[in-house]
Amino acid sequence: MKKTRAERAQHSDEHVAQRARSVARTPSLRKAPLSVTSQVLQRPCVKATLELALLGLIAETPGVSGYDIVKIFELSMAHYWHAHATQIYPTLERMEKSRIINRRRVAQSNRPNKWVYTINPSGMRLLTTWLESGFEGISLKHPPLLRSRFMGNLGPDGAIAALEEEREAWRTHLKIYRQIEKDHFAGGRSHRDVSKMFSWFTLRRGIDWMEENIAWCNWAIGEIERKRTLFKAPNMKSGLKPIRSMRPSIG
């Protein structure tokens, strides 16, 4: 038996209310872990998720396709939020089943049909709740910086070689980001709308970050060159005995 429009609206409101209660109960969507930032800013925050990122993209571009969403991630979001197509499409499907977005099929001539997405009021409320919540801060895991913490074990030449390799990687990223800025943001000289402007803000932060990383590598290499006498040997790796098996001997 089909439900009336009033019954469907009531069911939708009940679903949104249930979703809000779930957000309040779910650890990943309550307060972020206590960090240096959260010790200063105590206002409760909602933890960022791929679902919220997708809601934001769909809200600013109604009728966007899944393919276009994947491309937006690759072009303008990869430097601060990494997501594969294999994560994005299943998440969109779950969001549609949860009734926070709508999906419809669009026929295309000479091309496969595609699905396009729009946000609905319950999804917009979730997005706004996140945006209006407190500052989350970051729980940082930075593999290059972790490795640099122990580069003294490589000796001065080994440490410098590792930092030069890292610097080259940052230069590659910087080149890509600058090209994206040139191709899609007119070098930051103009913006079609407010969403485009804030998208450029995040890209600009990525560019500044890469430049800062390169400058840090240059500084660290200079410090190593000036303080070679701190190292015990030209290369501390030399002379190290092979690691023996930790398995106890049987005998």
Protein backbone atom coordinates (compact mmCIF):
# COMPACT_ATOMS: atom_id res chain seq x y z
CA MET A 1 0.00 0.00 0.00
CA LYS A 2 1.45 3.34 -1.03
CA LYS A 3 2.01 5.97 1.61
CA THR A 4 0.41 9.38 1.34
CA ARG A 5 2.55 12.48 0.98
CA ALA A 6 1.85 13.40 4.63
CA GLU A 7 2.90 9.92 5.78
CA ARG A 8 6.10 10.11 3.73
CA ALA A 9 6.89 13.55 5.18
CA GLN A 10 6.31 12.24 8.70
CA HIS A 11 8.56 9.26 8.02
CA SER A 12 11.26 11.59 6.66
CA ASP A 13 11.08 13.80 9.77
CA GLU A 14 11.32 10.73 12.00
CA HIS A 15 14.34 9.56 10.01
CA VAL A 16 16.09 12.93 10.39
CA ALA A 17 15.38 12.96 14.14
CA GLN A 18 16.78 9.45 14.44
CA ARG A 19 19.84 10.51 12.43
CA ALA A 20 20.42 13.48 14.74
CA ARG A 21 20.24 11.21 17.80
CA SER A 22 22.69 8.85 16.12
CA VAL A 23 25.09 11.73 15.51
CA ALA A 24 24.91 12.64 19.17
CA ARG A 25 25.64 9.04 20.23
CA THR A 26 28.29 8.07 17.67
CA PRO A 27 31.84 8.66 18.99
CA SER A 28 33.20 9.54 15.53
CA LEU A 29 30.59 12.31 15.20
CA ARG A 30 30.79 13.75 18.69
CA LYS A 31 33.79 15.53 20.13
CA ALA A 32 37.10 15.05 18.38
CA PRO A 33 39.91 13.53 20.49
CA LEU A 34 41.41 15.98 22.96
CA SER A 35 44.31 17.75 21.28
CA VAL A 36 46.37 20.88 21.82
CA THR A 37 43.73 22.79 19.88
CA SER A 38 40.74 21.33 21.72
CA GLN A 39 42.34 22.16 25.08
CA VAL A 40 42.05 25.81 24.07
CA LEU A 41 38.76 25.70 22.17
CA GLN A 42 36.22 23.71 24.18
CA ARG A 43 33.13 24.23 21.98
CA PRO A 44 31.86 20.79 20.85
CA CYS A 45 32.62 19.88 17.28
CA VAL A 46 31.31 17.39 14.73
CA LYS A 47 34.03 15.22 13.27
CA ALA A 48 34.62 15.65 9.54
CA THR A 49 33.77 12.65 7.33
CA LEU A 50 33.70 11.78 3.65
CA GLU A 51 29.90 11.88 3.85
CA LEU A 52 29.99 15.54 4.97
CA ALA A 53 32.48 16.42 2.24
CA LEU A 54 30.14 14.89 -0.34
CA LEU A 55 27.18 16.77 1.09
CA GLY A 56 29.12 20.01 0.70
CA LEU A 57 30.00 19.31 -2.93
CA ILE A 58 26.45 18.29 -3.83
CA ALA A 59 25.01 21.35 -2.05
CA GLU A 60 27.17 23.77 -4.02
CA THR A 61 26.65 21.99 -7.38
CA PRO A 62 23.10 20.59 -7.59
CA GLY A 63 22.86 17.89 -10.22
CA VAL A 64 26.55 16.99 -10.02
CA SER A 65 27.42 13.48 -11.22
CA GLY A 66 29.45 10.92 -9.35
CA TYR A 67 32.16 11.14 -12.02
CA ASP A 68 32.39 14.91 -11.57
CA ILE A 69 32.64 14.50 -7.79
CA VAL A 70 35.59 12.12 -8.20
CA LYS A 71 37.30 14.63 -10.50
CA ILE A 72 36.74 17.48 -8.03
CA PHE A 73 38.46 15.41 -5.34
CA GLU A 74 41.40 14.70 -7.63
CA LEU A 75 41.84 18.29 -8.80
CA SER A 76 41.14 20.45 -5.80
CA MET A 77 40.85 18.38 -2.61
CA ALA A 78 43.54 15.70 -2.70
CA HIS A 79 46.00 17.85 -0.71
CA TYR A 80 43.75 17.88 2.37
CA TRP A 81 41.14 15.09 2.02
CA HIS A 82 42.06 11.90 0.21
CA ALA A 83 39.31 9.68 -1.21
CA HIS A 84 39.24 7.08 -4.01
CA ALA A 85 36.37 6.47 -6.39
CA THR A 86 35.99 3.08 -4.66
CA GLN A 87 35.14 4.99 -1.46
CA ILE A 88 33.08 7.77 -3.02
CA TYR A 89 30.53 5.73 -4.99
CA PRO A 90 29.54 3.36 -2.14
CA THR A 91 29.24 6.36 0.22
CA LEU A 92 26.93 8.13 -2.24
CA GLU A 93 24.78 5.01 -2.40
CA ARG A 94 24.52 4.84 1.40
CA MET A 95 23.67 8.54 1.57
CA GLU A 96 20.87 8.06 -0.96
CA LYS A 97 19.48 5.14 1.06
CA SER A 98 19.65 7.31 4.19
CA ARG A 99 17.61 9.95 2.35
CA ILE A 100 20.01 12.82 2.86
CA ILE A 101 20.56 13.16 -0.90
CA ASN A 102 18.43 12.43 -3.95
CA ARG A 103 19.61 10.56 -7.02
CA ARG A 104 18.19 10.41 -10.52
CA ARG A 105 19.31 8.83 -13.77
CA VAL A 106 20.05 11.08 -16.75
CA ALA A 107 20.00 9.62 -20.27
CA GLN A 108 22.90 10.63 -22.54
CA SER A 109 23.13 10.17 -26.28
CA ASN A 110 26.14 8.16 -27.46
CA ARG A 111 27.29 7.82 -23.85
CA PRO A 112 26.27 5.65 -20.90
CA ASN A 113 23.51 7.03 -18.70
CA LYS A 114 24.70 8.74 -15.53
CA TRP A 115 23.45 9.36 -12.00
CA VAL A 116 23.23 12.94 -10.72
CA TYR A 117 22.76 14.04 -7.13
CA THR A 118 21.02 16.80 -5.21
CA ILE A 119 20.93 17.46 -1.48
CA ASN A 120 17.61 17.38 0.37
CA PRO A 121 16.60 19.35 3.50
CA SER A 122 17.72 16.66 5.96
CA GLY A 123 21.13 16.49 4.29
CA MET A 124 21.39 20.28 4.36
CA ARG A 125 20.68 20.25 8.09
CA LEU A 126 23.47 17.73 8.68
CA LEU A 127 25.87 19.83 6.59
CA THR A 128 24.95 23.05 8.42
CA THR A 129 25.26 21.38 11.83
CA TRP A 130 28.81 20.35 10.96
CA LEU A 131 29.78 23.77 9.57
CA GLU A 132 28.40 25.56 12.62
CA SER A 133 30.06 23.22 15.14
CA GLY A 134 33.32 23.97 16.94
CA PHE A 135 36.81 23.88 15.44
CA GLU A 136 37.91 20.26 15.17
CA GLY A 137 41.66 20.58 14.83
CA ILE A 138 43.70 17.71 13.42
CA SER A 139 45.12 14.45 14.72
CA LEU A 140 48.24 14.56 12.62
CA LYS A 141 50.19 11.62 11.22
CA HIS A 142 52.99 12.96 9.01
CA PRO A 143 55.18 10.08 7.71
CA PRO A 144 57.95 12.30 6.23
CA LEU A 145 58.25 14.26 9.48
CA LEU A 146 58.28 11.07 11.53
CA ARG A 147 61.12 9.72 9.39
CA SER A 148 63.05 12.97 9.70
CA ARG A 149 62.94 12.61 13.50
CA PHE A 150 65.34 9.65 13.22
CA MET A 151 67.49 10.65 10.24
CA GLY A 152 70.49 11.11 12.52
CA ASN A 153 70.97 7.35 12.14
CA LEU A 154 71.83 7.90 8.46
CA GLY A 155 74.79 10.18 9.09
CA PRO A 156 75.03 13.66 7.52
CA ASP A 157 75.27 12.54 3.90
CA GLY A 158 72.46 10.00 4.23
CA ALA A 159 70.20 12.52 5.96
CA ILE A 160 70.90 15.16 3.33
CA ALA A 161 70.15 12.68 0.52
CA ALA A 162 66.82 11.76 2.16
CA LEU A 163 65.87 15.43 2.58
CA GLU A 164 66.81 16.19 -1.02
CA GLU A 165 64.52 13.38 -2.15
CA GLU A 166 61.71 14.74 0.03
CA ARG A 167 62.28 18.26 -1.31
CA GLU A 168 61.93 17.00 -4.88
CA ALA A 169 58.61 15.34 -4.01
CA TRP A 170 57.28 18.62 -2.55
CA ARG A 171 58.41 20.44 -5.70
CA THR A 172 56.42 18.00 -7.83
CA HIS A 173 53.29 18.60 -5.75
CA LEU A 174 53.83 22.35 -5.91
CA LYS A 175 54.09 22.26 -9.69
CA ILE A 176 50.80 20.35 -9.95
CA TYR A 177 48.97 22.72 -7.57
CA ARG A 178 50.23 25.81 -9.37
CA GLN A 179 49.06 24.39 -12.69
CA ILE A 180 45.59 23.70 -11.21
CA GLU A 181 45.47 27.28 -9.97
CA LYS A 182 46.42 28.59 -13.38
CA ASP A 183 43.97 26.38 -15.29
CA HIS A 184 40.94 26.56 -13.01
CA PHE A 185 41.27 29.69 -10.89
CA ALA A 186 42.85 32.23 -13.25
CA GLY A 187 45.76 32.50 -10.86
CA GLY A 188 43.36 33.66 -8.15
CA ARG A 189 42.55 36.89 -9.98
CA SER A 190 38.81 36.26 -10.32
CA HIS A 191 36.04 34.04 -8.95
CA ARG A 192 32.73 33.10 -10.55
CA ASP A 193 31.01 32.53 -7.21
CA VAL A 194 31.65 32.18 -3.50
CA SER A 195 32.12 28.38 -3.70
CA LYS A 196 34.82 28.87 -6.32
CA MET A 197 36.51 31.41 -4.07
CA PHE A 198 36.62 29.08 -1.07
CA SER A 199 37.82 26.22 -3.27
CA TRP A 200 40.71 28.46 -4.31
CA PHE A 201 41.38 29.26 -0.64
CA THR A 202 42.02 25.57 0.07
CA LEU A 203 44.21 25.20 -3.02
CA ARG A 204 46.17 28.29 -1.99
CA ARG A 205 46.76 26.69 1.39
CA GLY A 206 48.15 23.62 -0.38
CA ILE A 207 50.50 25.81 -2.43
CA ASP A 208 51.70 27.66 0.66
CA TRP A 209 52.21 24.35 2.46
CA MET A 210 54.37 22.93 -0.35
CA GLU A 211 56.46 26.12 -0.43
CA GLU A 212 56.89 25.91 3.34
CA ASN A 213 57.95 22.24 3.10
CA ILE A 214 60.57 23.08 0.48
CA ALA A 215 61.91 25.96 2.58
CA TRP A 216 62.07 23.66 5.62
CA CYS A 217 64.06 21.04 3.66
CA ASN A 218 66.52 23.74 2.54
CA TRP A 219 66.89 24.96 6.12
CA ALA A 220 67.39 21.43 7.52
CA ILE A 221 70.02 20.57 4.90
CA GLY A 222 71.89 23.77 5.77
CA GLU A 223 71.78 22.94 9.48
CA ILE A 224 73.20 19.47 8.84
CA GLU A 225 76.03 20.90 6.75
CA ARG A 226 76.91 23.39 9.49
CA LYS A 227 76.80 20.82 12.29
CA ARG A 228 78.46 17.76 10.82
CA THR A 229 80.62 17.40 13.93
CA LEU A 230 77.54 16.34 15.88
CA PHE A 231 77.44 13.05 13.99
CA LYS A 232 79.47 10.16 15.40
CA ALA A 233 80.61 8.92 12.00
CA PRO A 234 80.32 9.96 8.33
CA ASN A 235 77.57 7.38 8.04
CA MET A 236 76.22 5.75 11.19
CA LYS A 237 74.73 3.00 9.07
CA SER A 238 78.20 1.59 8.42
CA GLY A 239 79.40 -0.88 10.98
CA LEU A 240 75.94 -1.90 12.13
CA LYS A 241 75.64 -5.62 12.67
CA PRO A 242 72.89 -7.48 10.80
CA ILE A 243 69.68 -7.92 12.79
CA ARG A 244 69.48 -11.48 14.01
CA SER A 245 66.26 -13.41 14.09
CA MET A 246 64.20 -12.76 17.19
CA ARG A 247 63.02 -16.39 17.13
CA PRO A 248 64.43 -18.29 20.13
CA SER A 249 66.86 -21.07 19.26
CA ILE A 250 65.84 -24.64 19.84
CA GLY A 251 68.39 -26.94 21.37
